[in-house]
Amino acid sequence: MRLERFKMERPGQVEEGQEVRISERSPSAGRYTYLVEPSVAMSGIYRTTERIKSRTGMIRKIEETDRGFYLVVELEN
């Protein structure tokens, strides 16, 4: 299992325990970003060796910080 954080701009779009779909974006060669669909939250930038291979995950926690909201998503890899 792997836990990853995704930045969410607005609260209330998803709930803890909810299964979500993850899509991959490759803006440049060797660097990847991921979206919790339908465009609920976005990841940081990952290199090829750090890629997320799972296309679904489970929201384990929604964190509220002074910088906004973050989803902690549990993935298979």
C-alpha atoms as a PDB file:
ATOM      1  CA  MET A   1       0.000   0.000   0.000  1.00  0.00           C
ATOM      2  CA  ARG A   2       1.059   3.530  -0.709  1.00  0.00           C
ATOM      3  CA  LEU A   3      -0.285   6.839   0.642  1.00  0.00           C
ATOM      4  CA  GLU A   4      -0.181   9.944  -1.539  1.00  0.00           C
ATOM      5  CA  ARG A   5      -1.375  13.520  -1.003  1.00  0.00           C
ATOM      6  CA  PHE A   6      -3.455  15.494  -3.484  1.00  0.00           C
ATOM      7  CA  LYS A   7      -4.257  19.219  -3.199  1.00  0.00           C
ATOM      8  CA  MET A   8      -7.970  20.018  -3.187  1.00  0.00           C
ATOM      9  CA  GLU A   9      -9.180  23.598  -3.699  1.00  0.00           C
ATOM     10  CA  ARG A  10     -12.747  23.287  -2.386  1.00  0.00           C
ATOM     11  CA  PRO A  11     -14.025  21.104   0.464  1.00  0.00           C
ATOM     12  CA  GLY A  12     -17.131  18.941   0.313  1.00  0.00           C
ATOM     13  CA  GLN A  13     -16.538  17.319  -3.072  1.00  0.00           C
ATOM     14  CA  VAL A  14     -15.499  13.934  -1.688  1.00  0.00           C
ATOM     15  CA  GLU A  15     -15.630  12.120   1.651  1.00  0.00           C
ATOM     16  CA  GLU A  16     -13.269   9.981   3.697  1.00  0.00           C
ATOM     17  CA  GLY A  17     -13.691   6.302   2.820  1.00  0.00           C
ATOM     18  CA  GLN A  18     -14.804   7.089  -0.729  1.00  0.00           C
ATOM     19  CA  GLU A  19     -13.206   5.221  -3.637  1.00  0.00           C
ATOM     20  CA  VAL A  20     -11.863   7.589  -6.305  1.00  0.00           C
ATOM     21  CA  ARG A  21     -10.514   7.303  -9.834  1.00  0.00           C
ATOM     22  CA  ILE A  22      -6.983   8.568 -10.567  1.00  0.00           C
ATOM     23  CA  SER A  23      -5.868   9.768 -14.008  1.00  0.00           C
ATOM     24  CA  GLU A  24      -2.312  10.434 -15.163  1.00  0.00           C
ATOM     25  CA  ARG A  25      -1.075  13.535 -16.967  1.00  0.00           C
ATOM     26  CA  SER A  26       2.356  13.800 -18.556  1.00  0.00           C
ATOM     27  CA  PRO A  27       3.107  17.473 -19.246  1.00  0.00           C
ATOM     28  CA  SER A  28       6.746  16.712 -20.122  1.00  0.00           C
ATOM     29  CA  ALA A  29       8.837  13.613 -20.689  1.00  0.00           C
ATOM     30  CA  GLY A  30       9.745  11.844 -17.469  1.00  0.00           C
ATOM     31  CA  ARG A  31       7.461  13.935 -15.255  1.00  0.00           C
ATOM     32  CA  TYR A  32       3.912  13.056 -14.294  1.00  0.00           C
ATOM     33  CA  THR A  33       1.015  14.607 -12.400  1.00  0.00           C
ATOM     34  CA  TYR A  34      -2.215  12.959 -11.308  1.00  0.00           C
ATOM     35  CA  LEU A  35      -5.834  14.044 -10.905  1.00  0.00           C
ATOM     36  CA  VAL A  36      -8.499  12.708  -8.595  1.00  0.00           C
ATOM     37  CA  GLU A  37     -11.424  12.653 -11.017  1.00  0.00           C
ATOM     38  CA  PRO A  38     -13.532  14.503 -11.890  1.00  0.00           C
ATOM     39  CA  SER A  39     -10.842  17.165 -11.323  1.00  0.00           C
ATOM     40  CA  VAL A  40     -11.353  17.232  -7.551  1.00  0.00           C
ATOM     41  CA  ALA A  41      -7.678  17.327  -6.533  1.00  0.00           C
ATOM     42  CA  MET A  42      -4.216  17.333  -8.118  1.00  0.00           C
ATOM     43  CA  SER A  43      -0.905  15.773  -7.150  1.00  0.00           C
ATOM     44  CA  GLY A  44       2.538  17.236  -7.214  1.00  0.00           C
ATOM     45  CA  ILE A  45       5.080  16.241  -9.864  1.00  0.00           C
ATOM     46  CA  TYR A  46       6.439  12.684  -9.932  1.00  0.00           C
ATOM     47  CA  ARG A  47       9.426  11.324 -11.836  1.00  0.00           C
ATOM     48  CA  THR A  48       9.213   8.148 -13.898  1.00  0.00           C
ATOM     49  CA  THR A  49      10.510   5.974 -11.038  1.00  0.00           C
ATOM     50  CA  GLU A  50       7.830   7.359  -8.678  1.00  0.00           C
ATOM     51  CA  ARG A  51       4.841   6.953 -11.013  1.00  0.00           C
ATOM     52  CA  ILE A  52       1.477   5.941  -9.613  1.00  0.00           C
ATOM     53  CA  LYS A  53       0.305   2.829 -11.432  1.00  0.00           C
ATOM     54  CA  SER A  54      -3.037   2.400  -9.650  1.00  0.00           C
ATOM     55  CA  ARG A  55      -6.040   4.005 -11.305  1.00  0.00           C
ATOM     56  CA  THR A  56      -8.258   3.811  -8.229  1.00  0.00           C
ATOM     57  CA  GLY A  57      -7.690   4.617  -4.583  1.00  0.00           C
ATOM     58  CA  MET A  58      -9.453   5.097  -1.253  1.00  0.00           C
ATOM     59  CA  ILE A  59      -9.559   8.448   0.545  1.00  0.00           C
ATOM     60  CA  ARG A  60      -8.183   7.778   4.009  1.00  0.00           C
ATOM     61  CA  LYS A  61      -8.095  11.353   5.320  1.00  0.00           C
ATOM     62  CA  ILE A  62      -9.039  14.895   4.353  1.00  0.00           C
ATOM     63  CA  GLU A  63      -6.658  17.412   5.931  1.00  0.00           C
ATOM     64  CA  GLU A  64      -7.334  21.120   6.335  1.00  0.00           C
ATOM     65  CA  THR A  65      -4.179  23.233   6.606  1.00  0.00           C
ATOM     66  CA  ASP A  66      -3.408  26.929   6.344  1.00  0.00           C
ATOM     67  CA  ARG A  67      -2.462  26.241   2.699  1.00  0.00           C
ATOM     68  CA  GLY A  68      -5.760  24.567   1.804  1.00  0.00           C
ATOM     69  CA  PHE A  69      -7.237  21.085   1.761  1.00  0.00           C
ATOM     70  CA  TYR A  70      -5.400  17.837   1.057  1.00  0.00           C
ATOM     71  CA  LEU A  71      -6.623  14.334   0.340  1.00  0.00           C
ATOM     72  CA  VAL A  72      -4.587  11.422   1.642  1.00  0.00           C
ATOM     73  CA  VAL A  73      -5.315   8.591  -0.787  1.00  0.00           C
ATOM     74  CA  GLU A  74      -4.369   4.949  -0.270  1.00  0.00           C
ATOM     75  CA  LEU A  75      -3.224   3.250  -3.478  1.00  0.00           C
ATOM     76  CA  GLU A  76      -2.211  -0.302  -4.360  1.00  0.00           C
ATOM     77  CA  ASN A  77       1.368   0.553  -5.415  1.00  0.00           C
END
